[in-house]
Amino acid sequence: MPLISPKGARAANNETIKVGLIGCGGRGTGAARQALNADKNAQLTAMADVFEDRLQRSHKTLKDQDVADRVRVDSDHQFIGLDAYQKVIDSVDLVILTTPPGFRPIQFEAAVEANKHIFLEKPMATDAPGLRKMIAAAEKAKEKELAVVNGFCWRKNFARRAFYEEIHNGIIGDIRAIYATYYTGPVRPMPSASERPEGWSDVAWQLRHWINFVWLSGDSILEQACHSVDKIAWGLQDQHPTKVVGVGGRQVPAKGGNIFDHFEVNYEFGNGVRGFMGSRQQSGCYNENNDYIIGAEGTGYIEGWGVPYINDLKGNTIWKYTGPRNDMYQTEHNELFASIRKGKPLWEGDWMCSSTLMALMGRMASYTGQEITWDMAMNSEENLYPENLKWDMEHEVQPMARPGKTEFV
């Protein structure tokens, strides 16, 4: 059973919650710090990564911060390798899953099987077979009353919560369309092949630069712009789109990898409602990360990190957020740990998977140039995860998708 009884029998205790970090990059390091700040009796006791230097850098960073006294990861609990995640899971009460998303289904399934509470970053998978594995494991987690909190962080932002509550209460009438943007620069450009260290395997090189490979990142529409897709879903109360068409490609030549640098997708929902998402990862271009909601009786605006507001059809502001501001990344963990202590663990397994499938639909439509339905995406057999993955194996990079040529699988 989970550490804290789901029936609340020990909900008020001060028992230590042992936390394990799986994936020691920047996001993982930040999530570990936020977890320790969320609960005074939480301790980080195990860490795992495939790269020793990344784990040690993360450990040093955490030991230099305000949570240092609760970073208690002995050398025999610093695990390295493709199987290191299981060693962490076996030794803690709560796991933080922040490895590249290609690994998410396997690691999440293992954590659920071991009865662990879980925080996991978005997206949930990079292909449909992986997502189906996630959905099944999430249902098991619900049955076991395990906490499952995900990294679609905008849903933890107080201002946006208040904004969408007004929208859902009908302040602008029926929603007709939502347009979301994620125009930004490259996250981590791929280095040239000449910079690959001698003796590095294909798998090691691709893992070091995981964001540039579809099997690991899912492409930018899943790894980054899924936040915008999720806000479209949130605005429409998580109803599923019936179908999607998309445009995408790569305009800036890549030194390696096989991801697109732009997407434009058009989702169709019931009653003719549309959701549009545009994303770009190119240097020297106009940047924007906004959301525009068009209703029968008004419009809603979220401009980047700014304060959301709502106008009537004449352009008069009829609502603007005036409440407290919060660190949404910290709130994710505050609410997670509080729910465990109360014996009422949060479970976000449904919409974290449906928002991921929406992003997958957009990628499938953009890669193939075809119209993709919800059922087609859910039942896709395209499996990107390498069979019998090993550190020293050869793993050829698949060609970049070509709309009109790449087939739907």
Protein backbone atom coordinates (compact mmCIF):
# COMPACT_ATOMS: atom_id res chain seq x y z
CA MET A 1 0.00 0.00 0.00
CA PRO A 2 1.09 3.64 -0.39
CA LEU A 3 3.03 5.31 2.39
CA ILE A 4 0.06 7.31 3.64
CA SER A 5 -3.11 5.25 4.05
CA PRO A 6 -5.66 6.27 1.39
CA LYS A 7 -8.36 5.91 4.03
CA GLY A 8 -6.74 8.65 6.08
CA ALA A 9 -5.70 6.46 9.02
CA ARG A 10 -2.26 8.06 9.14
CA ALA A 11 -2.98 11.27 7.28
CA ALA A 12 -1.95 13.56 10.13
CA ASN A 13 1.36 11.87 10.90
CA ASN A 14 4.85 13.29 10.49
CA GLU A 15 6.30 10.23 8.82
CA THR A 16 9.16 10.90 6.43
CA ILE A 17 8.27 10.68 2.75
CA LYS A 18 11.25 9.32 0.86
CA VAL A 19 11.48 10.96 -2.56
CA GLY A 20 13.36 9.57 -5.55
CA LEU A 21 14.41 11.59 -8.60
CA ILE A 22 14.55 9.79 -11.95
CA GLY A 23 16.04 12.09 -14.59
CA CYS A 24 18.50 14.64 -13.22
CA GLY A 25 18.35 17.42 -15.81
CA GLY A 26 17.28 20.97 -15.11
CA ARG A 27 13.57 20.19 -14.84
CA GLY A 28 14.21 17.21 -12.59
CA THR A 29 16.48 19.20 -10.31
CA GLY A 30 13.88 21.93 -10.03
CA ALA A 31 11.10 19.43 -9.35
CA ALA A 32 13.15 17.78 -6.58
CA ARG A 33 13.69 21.12 -4.87
CA GLN A 34 10.00 21.96 -5.16
CA ALA A 35 9.06 18.57 -3.69
CA LEU A 36 11.29 19.13 -0.67
CA ASN A 37 9.92 22.65 -0.19
CA ALA A 38 6.37 21.30 -0.35
CA ASP A 39 6.66 19.09 2.74
CA LYS A 40 8.99 19.61 5.69
CA ASN A 41 9.18 15.86 6.26
CA ALA A 42 10.11 14.96 2.69
CA GLN A 43 13.65 13.77 2.02
CA LEU A 44 15.40 13.11 -1.27
CA THR A 45 17.02 9.71 -0.75
CA ALA A 46 17.70 8.33 -4.24
CA MET A 47 18.61 9.65 -7.69
CA ALA A 48 18.98 8.09 -11.13
CA ASP A 49 20.21 9.17 -14.56
CA VAL A 50 21.99 7.61 -17.51
CA PHE A 51 24.81 10.14 -17.22
CA GLU A 52 27.02 10.32 -14.13
CA ASP A 53 27.97 13.96 -14.68
CA ARG A 54 24.33 15.01 -14.89
CA LEU A 55 23.45 13.26 -11.65
CA GLN A 56 26.42 14.75 -9.83
CA ARG A 57 25.64 18.25 -11.10
CA SER A 58 22.05 17.91 -9.95
CA HIS A 59 23.11 16.61 -6.54
CA LYS A 60 25.57 19.47 -6.07
CA THR A 61 22.98 22.04 -7.11
CA LEU A 62 20.47 20.71 -4.59
CA LYS A 63 23.08 20.58 -1.82
CA ASP A 64 23.83 24.24 -2.47
CA GLN A 65 20.19 25.32 -2.04
CA ASP A 66 17.77 25.87 0.82
CA VAL A 67 16.76 22.20 0.91
CA ALA A 68 20.30 20.90 1.44
CA ASP A 69 19.60 19.39 4.87
CA ARG A 70 16.99 17.07 3.36
CA VAL A 71 19.07 15.95 0.39
CA ARG A 72 20.25 12.63 1.80
CA VAL A 73 21.34 10.66 -1.21
CA ASP A 74 24.19 8.39 -0.21
CA SER A 75 26.58 7.19 -2.89
CA ASP A 76 24.93 3.74 -2.89
CA HIS A 77 21.63 5.40 -3.83
CA GLN A 78 23.02 7.30 -6.80
CA PHE A 79 22.14 5.01 -9.68
CA ILE A 80 23.45 5.22 -13.25
CA GLY A 81 22.17 3.39 -16.33
CA LEU A 82 19.10 2.53 -18.37
CA ASP A 83 17.82 0.32 -15.55
CA ALA A 84 18.59 2.80 -12.77
CA TYR A 85 14.97 3.95 -12.54
CA GLN A 86 13.85 0.64 -11.04
CA LYS A 87 16.45 0.88 -8.27
CA VAL A 88 15.10 4.27 -7.27
CA ILE A 89 11.48 3.08 -7.40
CA ASP A 90 12.32 0.14 -5.14
CA SER A 91 13.79 2.37 -2.42
CA VAL A 92 11.40 5.33 -2.03
CA ASP A 93 7.78 6.30 -1.33
CA LEU A 94 7.29 8.89 -4.09
CA VAL A 95 9.01 9.16 -7.46
CA ILE A 96 9.63 12.15 -9.70
CA LEU A 97 9.72 11.10 -13.36
CA THR A 98 11.59 13.72 -15.40
CA THR A 99 13.51 11.66 -17.93
CA PRO A 100 12.91 12.23 -21.66
CA PRO A 101 9.25 11.37 -22.36
CA GLY A 102 10.10 8.35 -24.50
CA PHE A 103 10.80 6.55 -21.21
CA ARG A 104 7.68 7.78 -19.43
CA PRO A 105 5.36 4.79 -20.06
CA ILE A 106 7.83 2.17 -18.87
CA GLN A 107 8.84 4.10 -15.77
CA PHE A 108 5.30 5.14 -14.84
CA GLU A 109 4.07 1.57 -15.19
CA ALA A 110 6.88 0.35 -12.94
CA ALA A 111 6.12 2.99 -10.29
CA VAL A 112 2.43 2.09 -10.25
CA GLU A 113 3.23 -1.61 -10.02
CA ALA A 114 5.42 -0.83 -6.98
CA ASN A 115 2.62 1.22 -5.32
CA LYS A 116 4.45 4.56 -5.36
CA HIS A 117 3.01 8.06 -5.44
CA ILE A 118 4.12 9.85 -8.60
CA PHE A 119 4.89 13.25 -10.03
CA LEU A 120 5.58 13.01 -13.76
CA GLU A 121 6.46 15.63 -16.31
CA LYS A 122 4.60 16.13 -19.57
CA PRO A 123 4.04 14.69 -22.12
CA MET A 124 2.99 11.19 -21.15
CA ALA A 125 4.38 9.35 -24.19
CA THR A 126 5.85 9.87 -27.64
CA ASP A 127 3.64 7.36 -29.48
CA ALA A 128 0.20 5.77 -29.18
CA PRO A 129 1.36 2.33 -27.93
CA GLY A 130 3.20 4.09 -25.12
CA LEU A 131 0.17 6.21 -24.34
CA ARG A 132 -2.08 3.17 -24.17
CA LYS A 133 0.36 1.71 -21.64
CA MET A 134 0.09 4.98 -19.68
CA ILE A 135 -3.71 4.92 -19.71
CA ALA A 136 -3.82 1.36 -18.38
CA ALA A 137 -1.26 2.14 -15.66
CA ALA A 138 -3.08 5.33 -14.69
CA GLU A 139 -6.29 3.36 -14.15
CA LYS A 140 -4.40 0.95 -11.90
CA ALA A 141 -3.01 3.90 -9.95
CA LYS A 142 -6.55 5.16 -9.43
CA GLU A 143 -7.70 1.77 -8.17
CA LYS A 144 -4.76 1.66 -5.75
CA GLU A 145 -5.47 5.24 -4.60
CA LEU A 146 -1.99 6.42 -5.57
CA ALA A 147 -1.31 10.10 -6.08
CA VAL A 148 -0.61 10.97 -9.73
CA VAL A 149 0.17 14.63 -10.46
CA ASN A 150 1.47 15.74 -13.84
CA GLY A 151 3.56 18.58 -15.24
CA PHE A 152 0.94 20.40 -17.32
CA CYS A 153 1.82 23.26 -15.02
CA TRP A 154 -0.53 26.00 -16.25
CA ARG A 155 -3.44 24.22 -14.60
CA LYS A 156 -1.78 25.03 -11.27
CA ASN A 157 -1.56 28.76 -12.03
CA PHE A 158 -4.05 30.66 -9.85
CA ALA A 159 -4.74 33.38 -12.41
CA ARG A 160 -5.48 30.89 -15.17
CA ARG A 161 -7.63 28.78 -12.88
CA ALA A 162 -9.75 31.82 -12.13
CA PHE A 163 -9.84 32.75 -15.82
CA TYR A 164 -11.07 29.34 -16.97
CA GLU A 165 -13.59 29.21 -14.15
CA GLU A 166 -15.13 32.41 -15.53
CA ILE A 167 -15.07 30.98 -19.05
CA HIS A 168 -16.70 27.72 -17.94
CA ASN A 169 -19.33 29.66 -16.00
CA GLY A 170 -20.41 31.26 -19.28
CA ILE A 171 -19.11 34.82 -19.04
CA ILE A 172 -18.52 34.88 -22.83
CA GLY A 173 -21.26 32.42 -23.75
CA ASP A 174 -20.61 29.32 -25.80
CA ILE A 175 -17.00 28.98 -26.97
CA ARG A 176 -16.66 29.13 -30.76
CA ALA A 177 -12.87 28.86 -31.15
CA ILE A 178 -9.59 28.87 -29.26
CA TYR A 179 -6.27 29.94 -30.75
CA ALA A 180 -3.07 29.13 -28.85
CA THR A 181 0.50 30.10 -29.79
CA TYR A 182 3.94 28.86 -28.78
CA TYR A 183 6.40 30.77 -30.95
CA THR A 184 9.90 30.67 -29.48
CA GLY A 185 13.53 29.86 -30.25
CA PRO A 186 15.18 26.42 -30.33
CA VAL A 187 15.38 24.80 -26.90
CA ARG A 188 18.65 22.92 -27.40
CA PRO A 189 19.99 23.01 -30.96
CA MET A 190 21.61 19.80 -32.13
CA PRO A 191 25.44 19.92 -32.35
CA SER A 192 27.14 18.65 -35.49
CA ALA A 193 28.20 15.02 -35.81
CA SER A 194 31.86 16.12 -35.64
CA GLU A 195 31.31 17.06 -31.99
CA ARG A 196 30.31 13.54 -31.03
CA PRO A 197 32.91 12.18 -28.58
CA GLU A 198 34.92 9.22 -29.75
CA GLY A 199 33.47 5.93 -28.62
CA TRP A 200 29.97 7.24 -27.92
CA SER A 201 27.23 4.89 -29.06
CA ASP A 202 24.20 6.00 -31.06
CA VAL A 203 22.04 5.65 -27.97
CA ALA A 204 24.39 7.68 -25.76
CA TRP A 205 24.63 10.49 -28.33
CA GLN A 206 20.89 10.63 -28.88
CA LEU A 207 20.16 10.60 -25.15
CA ARG A 208 22.60 13.46 -24.59
CA HIS A 209 20.64 15.52 -27.15
CA TRP A 210 17.27 13.84 -26.64
CA ILE A 211 15.10 16.80 -27.52
CA ASN A 212 16.16 16.51 -31.18
CA PHE A 213 14.95 12.93 -31.64
CA VAL A 214 11.29 11.99 -32.05
CA TRP A 215 11.48 8.68 -30.20
CA LEU A 216 12.74 10.50 -27.11
CA SER A 217 10.98 13.90 -27.18
CA GLY A 218 7.95 13.32 -29.39
CA ASP A 219 8.96 16.45 -31.34
CA SER A 220 8.34 20.01 -30.16
CA ILE A 221 4.55 19.76 -30.41
CA LEU A 222 4.64 17.16 -27.65
CA GLU A 223 7.67 18.23 -25.63
CA GLN A 224 6.90 21.96 -25.49
CA ALA A 225 3.78 23.10 -27.36
CA CYS A 226 1.72 20.44 -25.60
CA HIS A 227 1.18 23.17 -22.96
CA SER A 228 -0.75 25.16 -25.54
CA VAL A 229 -2.65 22.06 -26.66
CA ASP A 230 -3.50 21.37 -23.03
CA LYS A 231 -4.90 24.87 -22.56
CA ILE A 232 -7.16 24.36 -25.59
CA ALA A 233 -8.37 21.15 -23.95
CA TRP A 234 -8.80 22.93 -20.62
CA GLY A 235 -10.84 25.71 -22.21
CA LEU A 236 -13.19 23.13 -23.73
CA GLN A 237 -13.45 21.17 -20.45
CA ASP A 238 -11.38 18.30 -21.82
CA GLN A 239 -13.77 17.18 -24.49
CA HIS A 240 -12.01 15.18 -27.19
CA PRO A 241 -11.59 16.61 -30.69
CA THR A 242 -13.14 14.51 -33.40
CA LYS A 243 -10.36 15.12 -35.92
CA VAL A 244 -7.40 17.31 -36.82
CA VAL A 245 -5.42 18.48 -39.83
CA GLY A 246 -1.97 19.98 -39.54
CA VAL A 247 0.91 21.67 -41.29
CA GLY A 248 4.51 21.25 -40.22
CA GLY A 249 8.06 20.90 -41.39
CA ARG A 250 11.60 22.09 -40.95
CA GLN A 251 12.74 25.33 -42.54
CA VAL A 252 16.06 25.77 -40.70
CA PRO A 253 18.46 22.96 -41.67
CA ALA A 254 19.26 20.60 -38.82
CA LYS A 255 22.74 19.32 -37.94
CA GLY A 256 21.14 16.08 -36.88
CA GLY A 257 18.01 14.69 -35.31
CA ASN A 258 14.64 14.34 -37.01
CA ILE A 259 12.24 16.91 -35.51
CA PHE A 260 10.24 19.69 -37.16
CA ASP A 261 10.77 23.33 -36.24
CA HIS A 262 7.18 24.48 -36.80
CA PHE A 263 3.61 23.19 -36.53
CA GLU A 264 0.15 24.64 -37.24
CA VAL A 265 -2.75 22.36 -36.32
CA ASN A 266 -6.52 22.72 -36.59
CA TYR A 267 -8.70 20.66 -34.26
CA GLU A 268 -12.41 20.16 -34.87
CA PHE A 269 -14.71 19.53 -31.92
CA GLY A 270 -18.46 18.97 -31.73
CA ASN A 271 -20.89 21.66 -32.95
CA GLY A 272 -18.27 23.11 -35.29
CA VAL A 273 -16.03 24.41 -32.49
CA ARG A 274 -12.39 24.78 -33.56
CA GLY A 275 -9.09 24.80 -31.74
CA PHE A 276 -5.99 26.19 -33.45
CA MET A 277 -2.41 25.83 -32.25
CA GLY A 278 0.64 27.39 -33.87
CA SER A 279 4.21 26.71 -32.71
CA ARG A 280 7.69 27.51 -33.94
CA GLN A 281 11.25 26.95 -32.69
CA GLN A 282 13.35 29.26 -34.82
CA SER A 283 15.88 31.95 -33.91
CA GLY A 284 15.43 35.58 -34.91
CA CYS A 285 11.64 35.36 -35.28
CA TYR A 286 8.65 36.90 -33.54
CA ASN A 287 7.97 35.16 -30.23
CA GLU A 288 4.60 34.73 -28.53
CA ASN A 289 3.00 32.35 -26.04
CA ASN A 290 -0.64 33.48 -25.91
CA ASP A 291 -4.16 32.09 -25.76
CA TYR A 292 -7.22 33.66 -27.40
CA ILE A 293 -10.72 32.36 -26.63
CA ILE A 294 -13.60 33.49 -28.81
CA GLY A 295 -17.10 33.13 -27.41
CA ALA A 296 -20.58 34.03 -28.59
CA GLU A 297 -20.68 36.96 -26.17
CA GLY A 298 -17.06 38.01 -25.71
CA THR A 299 -13.37 37.12 -25.88
CA GLY A 300 -10.78 35.93 -23.38
CA TYR A 301 -7.05 36.68 -23.49
CA ILE A 302 -3.99 35.18 -21.84
CA GLU A 303 -0.88 37.04 -22.96
CA GLY A 304 2.25 35.10 -22.05
CA TRP A 305 2.90 35.25 -18.33
CA GLY A 306 0.66 38.28 -17.96
CA VAL A 307 -2.65 38.75 -16.18
CA PRO A 308 -5.58 37.17 -18.08
CA TYR A 309 -8.62 39.29 -18.90
CA ILE A 310 -11.99 39.05 -20.64
CA ASN A 311 -13.72 41.55 -22.94
CA ASP A 312 -17.28 41.86 -24.16
CA LEU A 313 -18.05 42.06 -27.87
CA LYS A 314 -17.52 45.83 -27.84
CA GLY A 315 -13.99 45.46 -26.49
CA ASN A 316 -14.78 46.54 -22.93
CA THR A 317 -12.93 44.62 -20.21
CA ILE A 318 -15.52 42.89 -18.05
CA TRP A 319 -13.17 40.74 -15.98
CA LYS A 320 -9.49 40.84 -15.08
CA TYR A 321 -7.61 38.71 -12.59
CA THR A 322 -6.75 40.60 -9.41
CA GLY A 323 -5.97 37.75 -7.03
CA PRO A 324 -2.65 36.46 -5.71
CA ARG A 325 0.15 35.32 -7.99
CA ASN A 326 1.79 31.95 -7.41
CA ASP A 327 4.69 29.79 -8.51
CA MET A 328 2.77 27.13 -10.42
CA TYR A 329 5.71 24.73 -10.35
CA GLN A 330 5.76 24.88 -6.57
CA THR A 331 1.98 24.61 -6.37
CA GLU A 332 2.13 21.31 -8.27
CA HIS A 333 4.09 19.78 -5.42
CA ASN A 334 2.33 21.63 -2.61
CA GLU A 335 -0.98 20.15 -3.71
CA LEU A 336 0.53 16.71 -4.35
CA PHE A 337 2.07 16.34 -0.89
CA ALA A 338 -0.91 17.91 0.88
CA SER A 339 -3.21 15.37 -0.77
CA ILE A 340 -1.04 12.48 0.40
CA ARG A 341 -0.94 13.78 3.97
CA LYS A 342 -4.73 14.15 3.96
CA GLY A 343 -5.21 10.59 2.75
CA LYS A 344 -6.98 11.92 -0.35
CA PRO A 345 -4.33 11.56 -3.06
CA LEU A 346 -4.77 13.65 -6.19
CA TRP A 347 -5.19 11.67 -9.41
CA GLU A 348 -4.80 13.45 -12.76
CA GLY A 349 -4.49 10.39 -14.96
CA ASP A 350 -7.36 11.12 -17.32
CA TRP A 351 -6.70 14.56 -18.77
CA MET A 352 -2.90 14.20 -18.73
CA CYS A 353 -3.34 11.35 -21.22
CA SER A 354 -6.05 12.99 -23.32
CA SER A 355 -4.01 16.21 -23.71
CA THR A 356 -1.03 14.10 -24.76
CA LEU A 357 -3.15 12.30 -27.36
CA MET A 358 -4.33 15.67 -28.71
CA ALA A 359 -0.70 16.67 -29.26
CA LEU A 360 0.05 13.27 -30.81
CA MET A 361 -2.88 13.76 -33.21
CA GLY A 362 -1.42 17.08 -34.28
CA ARG A 363 1.98 15.53 -34.94
CA MET A 364 0.48 12.63 -36.87
CA ALA A 365 -1.56 14.97 -39.05
CA SER A 366 1.42 17.25 -39.68
CA TYR A 367 3.83 14.40 -40.39
CA THR A 368 1.53 12.60 -42.84
CA GLY A 369 -0.47 15.48 -44.32
CA GLN A 370 -3.64 13.50 -43.63
CA GLU A 371 -6.76 14.16 -41.58
CA ILE A 372 -6.44 12.20 -38.34
CA THR A 373 -9.39 11.26 -36.14
CA TRP A 374 -9.29 10.69 -32.38
CA ASP A 375 -9.82 6.95 -32.86
CA MET A 376 -7.10 6.70 -35.51
CA ALA A 377 -4.62 8.34 -33.16
CA MET A 378 -5.64 6.24 -30.18
CA ASN A 379 -5.29 3.00 -32.16
CA SER A 380 -2.10 3.89 -34.05
CA GLU A 381 0.45 1.05 -34.10
CA GLU A 382 3.50 3.24 -34.72
CA ASN A 383 5.95 2.26 -31.96
CA LEU A 384 8.96 4.56 -31.73
CA TYR A 385 10.66 2.97 -28.72
CA PRO A 386 13.63 0.77 -29.75
CA GLU A 387 13.23 -2.95 -29.20
CA ASN A 388 15.61 -4.34 -26.56
CA LEU A 389 17.19 -0.94 -25.92
CA LYS A 390 20.84 -1.20 -24.86
CA TRP A 391 23.41 1.49 -24.15
CA ASP A 392 25.93 0.34 -26.78
CA MET A 393 23.51 -0.67 -29.54
CA GLU A 394 23.38 0.83 -33.00
CA HIS A 395 20.28 2.95 -33.46
CA GLU A 396 19.88 4.63 -36.82
CA VAL A 397 17.99 7.92 -36.85
CA GLN A 398 14.77 7.61 -38.83
CA PRO A 399 14.36 10.09 -41.72
CA MET A 400 12.49 13.27 -41.01
CA ALA A 401 8.79 13.00 -41.84
CA ARG A 402 7.60 14.26 -45.24
CA PRO A 403 3.93 15.31 -45.41
CA GLY A 404 2.23 13.49 -48.26
CA LYS A 405 4.93 10.82 -48.26
CA THR A 406 5.07 9.63 -44.65
CA GLU A 407 2.31 7.11 -44.07
CA PHE A 408 0.04 6.87 -41.08
CA VAL A 409 0.71 3.67 -39.14
